[in-house]
Amino acid sequence: MSEQTATKKTVEELDPVTAERIARAPLPTRFTNFKRSFVPYQLVRFMAFNLRTLDIVRRG
């Protein structure tokens, strides 16, 4: 029984058009990355979202 190495190609290797689109995509700013990784900010956003949802349910 011989072992075969599975060579999986990435999306970029399979589709050069997709690779070009990914290369041209804008990168997030430092502030955006900070907001995405700062847990207290995420908790505040989570609570705000839940309060808005609760308000919609109450009115409905």
Protein backbone atom coordinates (compact mmCIF):
# COMPACT_ATOMS: atom_id res chain seq x y z
CA MET A 1 0.00 0.00 0.00
CA SER A 2 1.62 3.25 -1.07
CA GLU A 3 0.99 6.62 0.48
CA GLN A 4 -0.08 9.37 -1.84
CA THR A 5 0.41 12.94 -0.82
CA ALA A 6 -2.72 14.93 -1.29
CA THR A 7 -1.90 18.26 -2.85
CA LYS A 8 -4.84 20.54 -2.36
CA LYS A 9 -4.74 23.77 -4.27
CA THR A 10 -5.89 26.98 -2.69
CA VAL A 11 -8.66 29.08 -4.19
CA GLU A 12 -6.05 31.51 -5.46
CA GLU A 13 -4.26 28.74 -7.32
CA LEU A 14 -7.47 27.40 -8.82
CA ASP A 15 -8.88 30.73 -9.95
CA PRO A 16 -6.49 33.56 -10.85
CA VAL A 17 -9.42 36.01 -11.15
CA THR A 18 -10.31 35.39 -7.52
CA ALA A 19 -6.67 35.80 -6.54
CA GLU A 20 -6.59 39.21 -8.25
CA ARG A 21 -9.81 40.31 -6.51
CA ILE A 22 -8.42 39.26 -3.13
CA ALA A 23 -5.18 41.15 -3.81
CA ARG A 24 -7.13 44.34 -4.64
CA ALA A 25 -9.46 44.11 -1.63
CA PRO A 26 -9.05 46.93 0.91
CA LEU A 27 -7.48 46.04 4.23
CA PRO A 28 -9.09 47.10 7.51
CA THR A 29 -7.58 50.06 9.32
CA ARG A 30 -5.80 49.75 12.66
CA PHE A 31 -8.84 51.25 14.38
CA THR A 32 -11.16 48.73 12.71
CA ASN A 33 -8.95 45.86 13.84
CA PHE A 34 -8.90 47.33 17.35
CA LYS A 35 -12.70 47.49 17.48
CA ARG A 36 -12.98 43.92 16.24
CA SER A 37 -10.62 42.55 18.89
CA PHE A 38 -11.38 44.78 21.92
CA VAL A 39 -13.70 42.73 24.15
CA PRO A 40 -15.22 45.62 26.18
CA TYR A 41 -16.23 47.35 22.94
CA GLN A 42 -17.79 44.11 21.70
CA LEU A 43 -19.76 43.73 24.94
CA VAL A 44 -21.14 47.26 24.65
CA ARG A 45 -22.13 46.63 21.03
CA PHE A 46 -23.72 43.33 22.03
CA MET A 47 -25.79 45.01 24.74
CA ALA A 48 -26.85 47.83 22.39
CA PHE A 49 -27.95 45.33 19.76
CA ASN A 50 -29.95 43.36 22.32
CA LEU A 51 -31.64 46.52 23.63
CA ARG A 52 -32.61 47.54 20.09
CA THR A 53 -33.99 44.07 19.47
CA LEU A 54 -35.91 44.13 22.75
CA ASP A 55 -37.39 47.51 21.81
CA ILE A 56 -38.60 46.15 18.47
CA VAL A 57 -40.16 43.13 20.18
CA ARG A 58 -41.93 45.32 22.72
CA ARG A 59 -43.38 47.58 20.05
CA GLY A 60 -44.39 44.65 17.87
